[in-house]
N, C-alpha and C. Protein backbone atom coordinates (compact mmCIF):
# COMPACT_ATOMS: atom_id res chain seq x y z
N MET A 1 78.63 37.97 113.73
CA MET A 1 79.82 38.27 114.49
C MET A 1 79.73 37.59 115.86
N SER A 2 80.85 36.84 116.15
CA SER A 2 80.71 35.87 117.25
C SER A 2 81.13 36.49 118.55
N ASP A 3 81.83 37.56 118.67
CA ASP A 3 82.36 38.14 119.91
C ASP A 3 82.18 39.60 119.87
N LYS A 4 82.60 40.36 121.03
CA LYS A 4 82.32 41.55 121.15
C LYS A 4 83.46 42.25 120.62
N LYS A 5 84.51 41.92 120.12
CA LYS A 5 85.49 42.57 119.44
C LYS A 5 84.77 43.49 118.17
N LYS A 6 85.13 44.74 117.87
CA LYS A 6 84.88 45.39 116.86
C LYS A 6 85.30 44.63 115.68
N PRO A 7 84.26 44.76 114.44
CA PRO A 7 84.41 44.11 113.44
C PRO A 7 85.50 44.75 112.48
N ASP A 8 86.37 44.06 111.65
CA ASP A 8 87.19 44.49 110.57
C ASP A 8 86.30 45.23 109.52
N ILE A 9 85.30 44.48 109.08
CA ILE A 9 84.44 44.75 107.99
C ILE A 9 82.87 44.89 108.36
N SER A 10 82.41 45.90 107.77
CA SER A 10 80.71 46.06 108.03
C SER A 10 80.09 45.89 106.60
N ILE A 11 79.33 44.80 106.40
CA ILE A 11 78.66 44.68 105.20
C ILE A 11 77.03 45.19 105.24
N VAL A 12 76.80 46.08 104.37
CA VAL A 12 75.54 46.97 104.48
C VAL A 12 74.58 46.28 103.39
N ILE A 13 73.38 46.04 103.65
CA ILE A 13 72.49 45.63 102.74
C ILE A 13 71.19 46.31 102.78
N PRO A 14 70.75 47.22 101.84
CA PRO A 14 69.57 47.79 102.16
C PRO A 14 68.36 46.96 101.61
N THR A 15 67.17 47.05 102.14
CA THR A 15 66.16 46.21 101.91
C THR A 15 64.80 47.05 101.78
N LEU A 16 63.76 46.36 101.07
CA LEU A 16 62.43 46.82 101.16
C LEU A 16 61.77 45.82 100.31
N ASN A 17 60.91 44.97 101.22
CA ASN A 17 60.17 43.94 100.66
C ASN A 17 60.97 43.03 99.95
N GLU A 18 61.98 42.45 100.54
CA GLU A 18 62.92 41.61 99.76
C GLU A 18 62.81 40.05 100.23
N GLU A 19 61.65 39.69 100.68
CA GLU A 19 61.53 38.28 101.25
C GLU A 19 61.91 37.11 100.12
N LYS A 20 61.78 37.37 98.88
CA LYS A 20 61.98 36.51 97.88
C LYS A 20 63.55 36.14 97.61
N TYR A 21 64.35 37.05 98.05
CA TYR A 21 65.84 36.93 97.87
C TYR A 21 66.60 36.92 98.98
N LEU A 22 66.22 37.65 99.87
CA LEU A 22 67.17 37.98 101.24
C LEU A 22 67.75 37.02 101.81
N GLU A 23 67.09 35.86 102.09
CA GLU A 23 67.58 34.65 102.82
C GLU A 23 68.82 34.13 102.01
N ASP A 24 68.74 33.94 100.80
CA ASP A 24 69.75 33.28 100.07
C ASP A 24 71.05 34.28 100.03
N ALA A 25 70.89 35.62 100.01
CA ALA A 25 71.84 36.66 100.00
C ALA A 25 72.47 36.62 101.15
N LEU A 26 71.77 36.75 102.44
CA LEU A 26 72.37 36.78 103.71
C LEU A 26 73.13 35.43 104.00
N GLU A 27 72.59 34.28 103.51
CA GLU A 27 73.36 33.06 103.77
C GLU A 27 74.72 32.94 103.18
N SER A 28 74.73 33.45 101.91
CA SER A 28 76.07 33.47 101.30
C SER A 28 76.91 34.57 101.72
N LEU A 29 76.45 35.63 102.29
CA LEU A 29 77.23 36.51 103.12
C LEU A 29 77.84 36.04 104.49
N ARG A 30 76.89 35.17 105.09
CA ARG A 30 77.21 34.53 106.36
C ARG A 30 78.14 33.59 106.25
N SER A 31 78.39 33.07 105.03
CA SER A 31 79.35 31.86 104.80
C SER A 31 80.66 32.02 104.16
N GLN A 32 81.13 33.31 104.51
CA GLN A 32 82.38 33.80 104.03
C GLN A 32 83.59 32.99 104.65
N PHE A 33 84.60 32.58 103.98
CA PHE A 33 85.88 32.01 104.30
C PHE A 33 86.89 33.11 104.68
N THR A 34 87.01 33.60 105.61
CA THR A 34 87.74 34.75 106.11
C THR A 34 88.34 34.69 107.52
N SER A 35 89.48 35.20 107.75
CA SER A 35 89.88 35.49 109.12
C SER A 35 89.45 36.60 109.73
N LYS A 36 88.97 37.59 108.85
CA LYS A 36 88.51 38.88 109.28
C LYS A 36 87.06 38.75 110.00
N LYS A 37 86.97 39.56 111.04
CA LYS A 37 85.71 39.73 111.78
C LYS A 37 84.79 40.73 111.00
N TYR A 38 83.49 40.27 110.68
CA TYR A 38 82.55 41.07 109.97
C TYR A 38 81.28 41.16 110.56
N GLU A 39 80.67 42.11 110.31
CA GLU A 39 79.13 42.25 110.66
C GLU A 39 78.37 42.44 109.55
N ILE A 40 77.08 41.87 109.54
CA ILE A 40 76.09 42.18 108.45
C ILE A 40 75.01 43.01 109.11
N ILE A 41 74.81 44.12 108.18
CA ILE A 41 73.89 45.17 108.80
C ILE A 41 72.75 45.25 107.75
N VAL A 42 71.35 44.96 108.05
CA VAL A 42 70.38 45.29 107.18
C VAL A 42 69.71 46.68 107.36
N ALA A 43 69.58 47.47 106.46
CA ALA A 43 69.02 48.71 106.56
C ALA A 43 67.55 48.67 105.83
N ASP A 44 66.66 48.73 106.60
CA ASP A 44 65.26 48.35 106.05
C ASP A 44 64.31 49.80 105.84
N GLY A 45 63.70 49.70 104.81
CA GLY A 45 62.58 50.94 104.63
C GLY A 45 61.32 50.51 105.01
N TYR A 46 61.19 49.87 106.19
CA TYR A 46 59.98 49.57 106.80
C TYR A 46 59.06 48.58 105.88
N SER A 47 59.80 47.26 105.62
CA SER A 47 59.05 46.42 104.77
C SER A 47 57.91 45.90 105.40
N GLU A 48 57.03 45.50 104.38
CA GLU A 48 55.54 44.97 104.75
C GLU A 48 55.57 43.40 104.41
N ASP A 49 56.49 42.69 104.35
CA ASP A 49 56.47 41.40 104.12
C ASP A 49 57.38 40.59 105.18
N LYS A 50 58.08 39.53 104.98
CA LYS A 50 58.78 38.77 105.99
C LYS A 50 60.26 39.15 105.99
N THR A 51 60.63 40.35 105.38
CA THR A 51 62.09 40.73 105.25
C THR A 51 62.54 40.86 106.56
N ILE A 52 62.19 41.50 107.54
CA ILE A 52 62.64 41.67 108.91
C ILE A 52 62.59 40.39 109.64
N ASP A 53 61.74 39.42 109.42
CA ASP A 53 61.85 38.14 110.03
C ASP A 53 62.98 37.43 109.55
N ILE A 54 63.29 37.43 108.22
CA ILE A 54 64.59 36.77 107.80
C ILE A 54 65.79 37.31 108.29
N ALA A 55 65.78 38.70 108.32
CA ALA A 55 66.96 39.51 108.78
C ALA A 55 67.18 39.25 110.11
N LYS A 56 66.29 39.06 111.07
CA LYS A 56 66.47 38.79 112.41
C LYS A 56 67.34 37.52 112.69
N GLY A 57 67.21 36.56 111.86
CA GLY A 57 67.93 35.27 112.02
C GLY A 57 69.36 35.26 111.41
N LEU A 58 69.58 36.17 110.38
CA LEU A 58 70.89 36.23 109.82
C LEU A 58 71.77 37.46 109.88
N ALA A 59 71.23 38.61 110.08
CA ALA A 59 72.06 39.76 110.22
C ALA A 59 72.44 40.01 111.76
N ASP A 60 73.45 40.79 111.92
CA ASP A 60 73.98 41.27 113.15
C ASP A 60 73.21 42.56 113.64
N LYS A 61 72.86 43.37 112.79
CA LYS A 61 72.14 44.73 113.09
C LYS A 61 71.12 44.83 112.10
N ILE A 62 69.98 45.35 112.41
CA ILE A 62 68.94 45.92 111.71
C ILE A 62 68.55 47.28 112.03
N VAL A 63 68.67 48.29 111.05
CA VAL A 63 68.39 49.78 111.28
C VAL A 63 67.12 49.99 110.15
N PHE A 64 66.54 51.06 110.59
CA PHE A 64 65.37 51.47 109.68
C PHE A 64 65.71 53.01 109.19
N GLU A 65 65.19 53.14 108.06
CA GLU A 65 65.05 54.57 107.48
C GLU A 65 63.74 54.74 106.74
N LYS A 66 63.42 56.02 106.81
CA LYS A 66 61.93 56.35 106.40
C LYS A 66 61.90 56.74 104.93
N LYS A 67 62.89 56.98 104.22
CA LYS A 67 62.87 57.65 102.88
C LYS A 67 62.44 56.36 101.83
N ARG A 68 62.78 55.26 102.26
CA ARG A 68 62.48 53.95 101.48
C ARG A 68 63.28 53.98 100.10
N THR A 69 64.38 54.72 99.87
CA THR A 69 65.13 54.57 98.73
C THR A 69 66.43 53.86 98.99
N ILE A 70 66.95 53.30 98.03
CA ILE A 70 68.26 52.45 98.14
C ILE A 70 69.36 53.23 98.81
N SER A 71 69.54 54.53 98.37
CA SER A 71 70.53 55.27 98.77
C SER A 71 70.47 55.61 100.14
N ALA A 72 69.26 56.05 100.66
CA ALA A 72 69.02 56.26 102.14
C ALA A 72 69.28 55.04 102.83
N GLY A 73 68.95 53.96 102.39
CA GLY A 73 69.13 52.65 102.98
C GLY A 73 70.62 52.52 103.19
N ARG A 74 71.49 52.59 102.25
CA ARG A 74 72.73 52.32 102.26
C ARG A 74 73.51 53.28 103.23
N GLN A 75 72.95 54.53 103.23
CA GLN A 75 73.61 55.46 104.21
C GLN A 75 73.26 55.25 105.53
N ALA A 76 72.02 54.87 105.86
CA ALA A 76 71.46 54.53 107.20
C ALA A 76 72.28 53.33 107.66
N GLY A 77 72.54 52.41 106.94
CA GLY A 77 73.24 51.07 107.45
C GLY A 77 74.73 51.43 107.53
N ALA A 78 75.25 52.35 106.76
CA ALA A 78 76.67 52.70 106.93
C ALA A 78 77.00 53.49 108.34
N MET A 79 75.98 54.34 108.60
CA MET A 79 76.07 55.01 109.90
C MET A 79 76.04 54.13 111.05
N ALA A 80 75.62 52.92 111.05
CA ALA A 80 75.47 52.10 112.08
C ALA A 80 76.87 51.05 112.12
N ALA A 81 77.56 51.29 110.92
CA ALA A 81 78.66 50.23 110.85
C ALA A 81 79.86 50.72 111.77
N GLU A 82 80.46 49.57 112.32
CA GLU A 82 81.68 49.78 113.22
C GLU A 82 83.03 49.21 112.66
N GLY A 83 82.95 48.66 111.46
CA GLY A 83 84.02 48.22 110.63
C GLY A 83 85.08 49.14 110.20
N LYS A 84 86.22 48.69 110.04
CA LYS A 84 87.30 49.57 109.40
C LYS A 84 87.14 49.60 107.96
N VAL A 85 86.29 48.85 107.22
CA VAL A 85 86.04 48.92 105.91
C VAL A 85 84.40 48.75 105.78
N ILE A 86 83.71 49.54 104.98
CA ILE A 86 82.40 49.54 104.72
C ILE A 86 82.14 48.64 103.35
N VAL A 87 81.46 47.65 103.46
CA VAL A 87 81.07 47.02 102.02
C VAL A 87 79.66 47.06 101.77
N SER A 88 79.38 47.51 100.62
CA SER A 88 78.06 47.81 99.98
C SER A 88 77.58 46.50 99.26
N ALA A 89 76.57 45.85 99.51
CA ALA A 89 76.01 44.65 98.94
C ALA A 89 74.65 44.96 98.64
N GLY A 90 73.91 43.89 98.17
CA GLY A 90 72.57 43.93 97.69
C GLY A 90 71.74 42.94 98.20
N ALA A 91 70.38 43.06 98.30
CA ALA A 91 69.43 42.12 98.96
C ALA A 91 69.22 40.88 98.02
N ASP A 92 69.49 40.96 96.73
CA ASP A 92 69.38 39.86 95.75
C ASP A 92 70.53 39.33 95.21
N ILE A 93 71.74 39.43 96.02
CA ILE A 93 73.00 39.04 95.53
C ILE A 93 73.16 37.52 95.96
N TYR A 94 74.27 36.91 95.36
CA TYR A 94 74.84 35.61 95.91
C TYR A 94 76.38 35.77 95.55
N VAL A 95 77.14 35.59 96.65
CA VAL A 95 78.64 35.66 96.52
C VAL A 95 79.25 34.39 97.04
N GLU A 96 80.28 34.08 96.38
CA GLU A 96 81.11 32.91 96.75
C GLU A 96 82.00 33.13 97.89
N PRO A 97 82.37 31.94 98.58
CA PRO A 97 82.87 32.04 99.93
C PRO A 97 84.12 33.03 100.11
N HIS A 98 84.95 33.06 99.11
CA HIS A 98 86.21 33.92 99.21
C HIS A 98 85.89 35.44 98.65
N TRP A 99 84.77 35.74 98.31
CA TRP A 99 84.39 37.05 97.82
C TRP A 99 84.94 38.27 98.70
N LEU A 100 84.44 38.13 100.03
CA LEU A 100 84.74 39.25 100.70
C LEU A 100 86.41 39.39 101.12
N ASP A 101 87.05 38.47 101.15
CA ASP A 101 88.67 38.57 101.21
C ASP A 101 89.12 39.26 99.96
N ALA A 102 88.60 38.54 98.82
CA ALA A 102 89.11 39.26 97.58
C ALA A 102 88.70 40.73 97.44
N LEU A 103 87.58 41.14 97.58
CA LEU A 103 87.13 42.51 97.43
C LEU A 103 87.86 43.51 98.32
N THR A 104 88.08 42.97 99.53
CA THR A 104 88.54 43.89 100.46
C THR A 104 90.22 43.91 100.71
N LYS A 105 90.79 42.99 99.94
CA LYS A 105 92.28 42.86 100.17
C LYS A 105 92.95 44.02 99.62
N PRO A 106 92.76 44.89 98.54
CA PRO A 106 93.52 45.96 98.20
C PRO A 106 93.41 47.10 99.34
N ILE A 107 92.27 47.15 100.16
CA ILE A 107 92.22 48.08 101.18
C ILE A 107 93.03 47.88 102.34
N PHE A 108 92.96 46.51 102.74
CA PHE A 108 93.57 46.06 103.93
C PHE A 108 95.18 45.86 103.64
N ASP A 109 95.54 45.81 102.45
CA ASP A 109 96.90 45.85 101.85
C ASP A 109 97.48 47.22 101.97
N GLY A 110 96.59 48.12 101.91
CA GLY A 110 97.10 49.58 101.93
C GLY A 110 97.46 50.27 100.70
N THR A 111 97.14 49.52 99.60
CA THR A 111 97.35 49.92 98.24
C THR A 111 96.28 50.93 97.69
N HIS A 112 95.16 50.60 98.20
CA HIS A 112 93.91 51.37 97.69
C HIS A 112 92.86 51.72 98.82
N ILE A 113 92.24 52.79 98.63
CA ILE A 113 91.14 53.00 99.66
C ILE A 113 89.74 52.59 99.39
N ALA A 114 89.52 52.05 98.19
CA ALA A 114 88.29 51.62 97.87
C ALA A 114 88.56 50.40 96.84
N SER A 115 87.45 49.60 96.56
CA SER A 115 87.59 48.47 95.57
C SER A 115 86.14 48.21 95.00
N THR A 116 86.20 47.74 93.84
CA THR A 116 84.85 47.27 93.34
C THR A 116 85.07 45.98 92.54
N GLY A 117 83.84 45.36 92.21
CA GLY A 117 84.11 43.98 91.75
C GLY A 117 82.90 43.93 90.49
N PRO A 118 83.05 43.02 89.71
CA PRO A 118 81.94 42.72 88.75
C PRO A 118 80.72 42.20 89.17
N VAL A 119 79.67 42.63 88.55
CA VAL A 119 78.19 42.16 88.89
C VAL A 119 77.85 41.49 87.67
N VAL A 120 77.63 40.19 87.97
CA VAL A 120 77.12 39.24 86.83
C VAL A 120 75.90 38.52 86.96
N PRO A 121 75.22 38.02 86.16
CA PRO A 121 73.92 37.36 86.17
C PRO A 121 73.95 36.11 87.24
N LEU A 122 72.98 36.16 88.22
CA LEU A 122 72.60 34.90 89.10
C LEU A 122 71.78 33.92 88.21
N ASP A 123 70.82 34.26 87.66
CA ASP A 123 69.91 33.50 86.88
C ASP A 123 69.93 33.77 85.40
N GLY A 124 70.95 34.20 84.81
CA GLY A 124 70.93 34.44 83.48
C GLY A 124 70.96 33.44 82.39
N ASN A 125 70.50 33.91 81.19
CA ASN A 125 70.56 32.96 80.18
C ASN A 125 72.07 32.96 79.40
N LEU A 126 72.36 32.28 78.38
CA LEU A 126 73.61 32.25 77.75
C LEU A 126 73.99 33.60 77.19
N ALA A 127 73.08 34.34 76.60
CA ALA A 127 73.24 35.67 76.01
C ALA A 127 73.66 36.66 77.09
N GLU A 128 73.02 36.62 78.21
CA GLU A 128 73.17 37.56 79.52
C GLU A 128 74.53 37.18 79.99
N GLU A 129 74.83 35.98 80.05
CA GLU A 129 76.28 35.37 80.69
C GLU A 129 77.38 36.09 79.80
N LEU A 130 77.05 35.97 78.50
CA LEU A 130 78.26 36.41 77.42
C LEU A 130 78.39 37.78 77.62
N PHE A 131 77.35 38.50 77.72
CA PHE A 131 77.32 40.01 77.66
C PHE A 131 78.00 40.49 78.97
N ALA A 132 77.59 39.87 79.99
CA ALA A 132 78.28 40.34 81.35
C ALA A 132 79.65 40.07 81.43
N HIS A 133 80.14 38.84 81.07
CA HIS A 133 81.46 38.50 81.20
C HIS A 133 82.30 38.87 79.93
N GLY A 134 81.78 38.87 78.88
CA GLY A 134 82.63 39.27 77.71
C GLY A 134 82.73 40.65 77.28
N PHE A 135 81.63 41.55 77.93
CA PHE A 135 81.56 42.86 77.63
C PHE A 135 81.59 43.82 78.87
N LEU A 136 80.63 43.55 79.75
CA LEU A 136 80.57 44.55 81.04
C LEU A 136 81.70 44.28 81.90
N LYS A 137 82.14 43.21 82.11
CA LYS A 137 83.34 43.09 82.98
C LYS A 137 84.50 43.64 82.52
N PRO A 138 85.01 43.21 81.41
CA PRO A 138 86.30 43.92 80.61
C PRO A 138 86.08 45.32 80.69
N THR A 139 84.86 45.90 80.18
CA THR A 139 84.60 47.36 80.17
C THR A 139 84.92 48.04 81.21
N ALA A 140 84.20 47.44 82.55
CA ALA A 140 84.45 48.04 83.66
C ALA A 140 85.95 48.12 84.19
N HIS A 141 86.63 47.07 83.88
CA HIS A 141 88.20 47.01 84.22
C HIS A 141 88.94 48.14 83.36
N ILE A 142 88.64 48.28 82.10
CA ILE A 142 89.26 49.31 81.35
C ILE A 142 88.84 50.68 81.77
N LEU A 143 87.69 50.84 82.13
CA LEU A 143 87.21 52.32 82.59
C LEU A 143 87.95 52.59 83.96
N SER A 144 88.17 51.61 84.84
CA SER A 144 88.67 51.71 86.16
C SER A 144 90.02 52.21 85.96
N LYS A 145 90.79 51.85 84.85
CA LYS A 145 92.14 52.43 84.58
C LYS A 145 92.18 53.86 84.15
N THR A 146 91.04 54.39 83.63
CA THR A 146 91.00 55.79 83.18
C THR A 146 90.47 56.66 84.19
N GLY A 147 89.91 56.13 85.32
CA GLY A 147 89.34 56.96 86.44
C GLY A 147 87.95 57.26 86.24
N MET A 148 87.38 56.70 85.10
CA MET A 148 85.92 56.75 84.83
C MET A 148 85.29 55.47 85.27
N HIS A 149 85.21 55.27 86.50
CA HIS A 149 84.71 53.97 87.26
C HIS A 149 83.30 53.77 86.84
N HIS A 150 83.08 52.52 86.42
CA HIS A 150 81.80 51.95 86.39
C HIS A 150 81.54 51.01 87.41
N VAL A 151 80.86 51.58 88.48
CA VAL A 151 80.70 50.62 89.83
C VAL A 151 79.24 50.46 90.09
N VAL A 152 79.04 49.40 90.72
CA VAL A 152 77.67 49.02 91.15
C VAL A 152 77.77 48.85 92.63
N ALA A 153 76.90 49.53 93.36
CA ALA A 153 76.97 49.38 94.87
C ALA A 153 76.69 48.21 95.46
N ASP A 154 76.19 47.21 94.69
CA ASP A 154 75.94 45.84 95.25
C ASP A 154 77.27 45.21 95.34
N ASN A 155 78.33 45.68 94.93
CA ASN A 155 79.79 45.06 95.00
C ASN A 155 80.93 46.19 95.20
N MET A 156 81.04 46.77 96.18
CA MET A 156 81.96 47.79 96.42
C MET A 156 82.33 47.76 97.94
N ALA A 157 83.69 48.29 98.10
CA ALA A 157 84.14 48.32 99.52
C ALA A 157 84.88 49.70 99.57
N ILE A 158 84.81 50.30 100.68
CA ILE A 158 85.39 51.67 100.87
C ILE A 158 86.04 51.65 102.25
N ASP A 159 87.21 52.22 102.53
CA ASP A 159 87.86 52.48 103.80
C ASP A 159 86.84 53.28 104.54
N ALA A 160 86.52 52.94 105.75
CA ALA A 160 85.36 53.77 106.53
C ALA A 160 85.91 55.06 106.85
N GLU A 161 87.12 55.42 107.09
CA GLU A 161 87.53 56.88 107.50
C GLU A 161 87.23 57.56 106.23
N ILE A 162 87.63 57.14 105.08
CA ILE A 162 87.25 57.84 103.96
C ILE A 162 85.90 58.12 103.61
N PHE A 163 85.21 56.90 103.69
CA PHE A 163 83.62 57.08 103.66
C PHE A 163 83.05 58.06 104.38
N LYS A 164 83.54 58.11 105.63
CA LYS A 164 83.03 59.34 106.59
C LYS A 164 83.51 60.72 106.11
N LYS A 165 84.71 60.82 105.65
CA LYS A 165 85.31 62.06 105.23
C LYS A 165 84.66 62.64 104.04
N VAL A 166 84.14 61.74 103.22
CA VAL A 166 83.45 62.41 102.05
C VAL A 166 81.93 62.49 102.28
N GLY A 167 81.40 61.81 103.49
CA GLY A 167 80.03 62.14 103.69
C GLY A 167 79.14 60.95 103.38
N GLY A 168 79.76 59.84 102.85
CA GLY A 168 79.01 58.66 102.51
C GLY A 168 78.02 58.93 101.22
N PHE A 169 77.07 58.01 101.18
CA PHE A 169 76.06 58.02 100.11
C PHE A 169 75.15 59.32 100.31
N ASN A 170 74.79 59.97 99.17
CA ASN A 170 73.93 61.01 99.21
C ASN A 170 72.41 60.42 99.24
N PRO A 171 71.70 60.52 100.36
CA PRO A 171 70.44 60.02 100.57
C PRO A 171 69.31 60.59 99.72
N ASP A 172 69.66 61.77 98.99
CA ASP A 172 68.54 62.44 98.16
C ASP A 172 68.68 61.80 96.86
N LEU A 173 69.67 60.99 96.48
CA LEU A 173 69.69 60.47 95.06
C LEU A 173 68.82 59.29 94.91
N VAL A 174 68.07 59.07 93.96
CA VAL A 174 67.37 57.88 93.72
C VAL A 174 68.17 56.84 92.68
N THR A 175 69.01 57.37 91.91
CA THR A 175 69.91 56.45 91.26
C THR A 175 71.48 57.01 91.31
N CYS A 176 72.17 56.15 90.69
CA CYS A 176 73.74 56.74 90.64
C CYS A 176 74.33 57.12 92.05
N GLU A 177 73.85 56.45 93.04
CA GLU A 177 74.42 57.01 94.37
C GLU A 177 75.92 56.31 94.47
N ASP A 178 76.02 55.21 93.79
CA ASP A 178 77.45 54.57 93.71
C ASP A 178 78.40 55.44 93.03
N LEU A 179 78.08 55.97 91.69
CA LEU A 179 78.84 56.70 91.10
C LEU A 179 79.23 58.03 91.86
N ASP A 180 78.29 58.48 92.42
CA ASP A 180 78.35 59.95 93.07
C ASP A 180 79.36 59.72 94.20
N LEU A 181 79.25 58.44 94.89
CA LEU A 181 80.14 58.36 96.06
C LEU A 181 81.46 58.18 95.57
N ILE A 182 81.73 57.35 94.54
CA ILE A 182 83.01 56.95 94.19
C ILE A 182 83.82 58.14 93.51
N SER A 183 82.99 59.04 93.01
CA SER A 183 83.56 60.31 92.30
C SER A 183 84.27 61.28 93.37
N ARG A 184 83.61 60.99 94.56
CA ARG A 184 84.19 61.88 95.71
C ARG A 184 85.29 61.03 96.39
N VAL A 185 85.20 59.89 96.48
CA VAL A 185 86.14 59.06 97.12
C VAL A 185 87.48 58.93 96.40
N LYS A 186 87.57 58.98 95.10
CA LYS A 186 88.60 58.82 94.24
C LYS A 186 89.64 60.02 94.26
N GLU A 187 88.95 61.20 94.86
CA GLU A 187 89.91 62.37 95.11
C GLU A 187 90.86 62.04 96.46
N HIS A 188 90.61 61.03 96.94
CA HIS A 188 91.50 60.80 98.18
C HIS A 188 92.46 59.50 98.03
N GLY A 189 92.39 58.95 96.89
CA GLY A 189 93.35 57.81 96.69
C GLY A 189 92.75 56.81 95.68
N LYS A 190 93.57 55.82 95.49
CA LYS A 190 93.34 54.78 94.29
C LYS A 190 92.09 53.82 94.68
N ILE A 191 91.51 53.48 93.40
CA ILE A 191 90.33 52.56 93.67
C ILE A 191 90.62 51.35 92.75
N ALA A 192 90.60 50.29 93.31
CA ALA A 192 90.76 49.01 92.49
C ALA A 192 89.73 48.23 92.04
N PHE A 193 89.85 47.66 90.96
CA PHE A 193 88.93 46.78 90.24
C PHE A 193 89.35 45.33 90.49
N VAL A 194 88.59 44.50 91.16
CA VAL A 194 88.99 43.10 91.55
C VAL A 194 88.10 42.28 90.66
N PRO A 195 88.65 41.76 89.47
CA PRO A 195 87.89 41.01 88.55
C PRO A 195 87.38 39.71 89.10
N GLU A 196 87.97 39.15 90.10
CA GLU A 196 87.52 37.70 90.57
C GLU A 196 86.68 37.93 91.62
N ALA A 197 86.23 39.14 92.25
CA ALA A 197 85.21 39.34 93.19
C ALA A 197 83.84 39.42 92.62
N HIS A 198 83.43 38.39 92.24
CA HIS A 198 82.12 38.45 91.42
C HIS A 198 80.92 38.60 92.38
N ALA A 199 79.81 39.47 92.23
CA ALA A 199 78.58 39.31 92.98
C ALA A 199 77.52 38.81 91.91
N TYR A 200 76.91 37.73 92.02
CA TYR A 200 75.82 37.30 91.21
C TYR A 200 74.57 37.91 91.60
N VAL A 201 73.90 38.63 90.71
CA VAL A 201 72.69 39.33 91.01
C VAL A 201 71.48 38.85 90.13
N SER A 202 70.27 38.95 90.72
CA SER A 202 69.10 38.47 89.97
C SER A 202 68.81 39.44 88.77
N MET A 203 68.27 38.62 87.80
CA MET A 203 68.00 39.43 86.51
C MET A 203 66.52 39.88 86.50
N ARG A 204 65.77 40.16 87.66
CA ARG A 204 64.56 40.29 87.71
C ARG A 204 64.17 41.81 87.10
N ARG A 205 65.15 42.69 87.23
CA ARG A 205 64.64 43.95 86.49
C ARG A 205 64.94 43.77 84.95
N VAL A 206 65.87 43.02 84.54
CA VAL A 206 65.89 42.93 83.18
C VAL A 206 64.67 42.09 82.56
N ARG A 207 64.18 41.14 83.38
CA ARG A 207 63.02 40.19 83.06
C ARG A 207 61.80 41.21 83.01
N GLU A 208 61.64 42.07 83.88
CA GLU A 208 60.50 43.00 84.09
C GLU A 208 60.51 44.05 82.98
N TRP A 209 61.88 44.74 82.64
CA TRP A 209 61.86 45.77 81.75
C TRP A 209 62.09 45.39 80.26
N GLY A 210 62.87 44.31 80.12
CA GLY A 210 63.26 43.99 78.73
C GLY A 210 64.51 44.67 78.48
N TYR A 211 65.31 43.98 77.54
CA TYR A 211 66.69 44.49 77.17
C TYR A 211 66.69 45.95 76.74
N PRO A 212 65.81 46.33 75.71
CA PRO A 212 66.08 47.76 75.34
C PRO A 212 66.01 48.81 76.27
N LYS A 213 64.83 48.67 77.18
CA LYS A 213 64.67 49.64 78.30
C LYS A 213 65.78 49.49 79.14
N TYR A 214 66.24 48.40 79.63
CA TYR A 214 67.24 48.23 80.76
C TYR A 214 68.55 48.84 80.27
N LEU A 215 68.99 48.51 79.11
CA LEU A 215 70.24 48.96 78.48
C LEU A 215 70.23 50.58 78.05
N HIS A 216 69.09 50.93 77.85
CA HIS A 216 68.96 52.36 77.46
C HIS A 216 68.93 53.13 78.87
N PHE A 217 68.21 52.71 79.92
CA PHE A 217 68.24 53.35 81.22
C PHE A 217 69.59 53.57 81.74
N HIS A 218 70.39 52.48 81.86
CA HIS A 218 71.76 52.38 82.56
C HIS A 218 72.68 52.99 81.68
N THR A 219 72.68 53.00 80.53
CA THR A 219 73.74 53.56 79.59
C THR A 219 73.59 55.05 79.61
N THR A 220 72.31 55.60 79.48
CA THR A 220 72.08 56.95 79.58
C THR A 220 72.31 57.53 80.89
N ASN A 221 72.03 56.94 81.87
CA ASN A 221 72.15 57.31 83.36
C ASN A 221 73.74 57.43 83.53
N PHE A 222 74.45 56.44 83.23
CA PHE A 222 75.99 56.48 83.36
C PHE A 222 76.60 57.67 82.56
N LEU A 223 76.17 57.90 81.41
CA LEU A 223 76.78 59.05 80.67
C LEU A 223 76.28 60.32 81.34
N LYS A 224 75.09 60.30 81.56
CA LYS A 224 74.38 61.61 81.98
C LYS A 224 75.16 61.98 83.25
N TYR A 225 75.40 61.19 84.20
CA TYR A 225 76.23 61.28 85.26
C TYR A 225 77.60 62.00 85.03
N HIS A 226 78.34 61.33 84.27
CA HIS A 226 79.60 61.66 84.07
C HIS A 226 79.88 62.75 83.22
N LEU A 227 78.94 63.04 82.30
CA LEU A 227 79.07 64.17 81.42
C LEU A 227 78.42 65.52 81.94
N LYS A 228 77.28 65.38 82.71
CA LYS A 228 76.53 66.37 83.10
C LYS A 228 76.38 66.68 84.83
N GLY A 229 76.79 65.46 85.43
CA GLY A 229 76.74 65.39 86.97
C GLY A 229 75.44 65.40 87.41
N LYS A 230 74.49 64.77 86.43
CA LYS A 230 72.97 64.67 86.71
C LYS A 230 72.63 63.16 86.77
N THR A 231 71.47 62.79 87.24
CA THR A 231 71.05 61.52 87.12
C THR A 231 69.59 61.41 86.86
N HIS A 232 69.18 60.13 86.47
CA HIS A 232 67.61 59.89 86.35
C HIS A 232 67.07 60.05 87.73
N GLU A 233 65.74 60.41 87.80
CA GLU A 233 65.26 60.80 89.11
C GLU A 233 64.14 59.76 89.57
N LYS A 234 63.93 58.80 88.67
CA LYS A 234 62.90 57.75 88.86
C LYS A 234 63.54 56.40 88.61
N TYR A 235 63.13 55.49 89.58
CA TYR A 235 63.70 54.07 89.53
C TYR A 235 62.75 53.11 90.20
N GLU A 236 61.70 52.68 89.51
CA GLU A 236 60.60 51.99 90.23
C GLU A 236 61.15 50.73 90.74
N PRO A 237 60.47 50.16 91.88
CA PRO A 237 60.89 49.00 92.47
C PRO A 237 60.50 47.88 91.67
N VAL A 238 61.35 46.84 91.57
CA VAL A 238 60.73 45.58 90.99
C VAL A 238 61.12 44.41 92.02
N ARG A 239 59.96 43.77 92.24
CA ARG A 239 60.09 42.67 93.36
C ARG A 239 59.85 41.38 92.74
């Protein structure tokens, strides 16, 4: 943020020992082609590596939270946000230069109060690319039309007033903080799915867990939340 004018957009990135990925993520966020003023906020869980050193050179604000969970980090960062729109991103993403404008356009146009975009592989193989673009992306688009939104907090934007009105992220959740938030947000207006607003994410968890465990965890977590209002309570870090 180059001047003292309050930003139009606040991008919040939770971190915990993300020195391997954070610089590339912040560089892509810093390189957006937009006329909007935006700030980048890193919300850190007291990292023990070079995460903070990296953030100091590329973020506008750094805040700290003691719980060291991703939901608590997202909420801590959002509480420091000054933008009219709060964008939730991730420490291991890469986004193209027009991503921010595309993702937030439905909100600034006044047609929607929140928006989400597809999350696709950054370092995926052919099978993973086909699965993400050929199945996950169209499925998320279809589900958005039914109101059963499949959202990922690494690629979502919410009107700041609505975010505050519903209380933001639930810092007590370990998983599904994005589904929980969007379920409260949708009671106040429409949510857009923006297919061209891709966020490219690391496949590190897929590599660590393997396909069966990864798919089983996220599928059952999604269904468990939507059918029972409950979530898995463990989500071990993968660095």
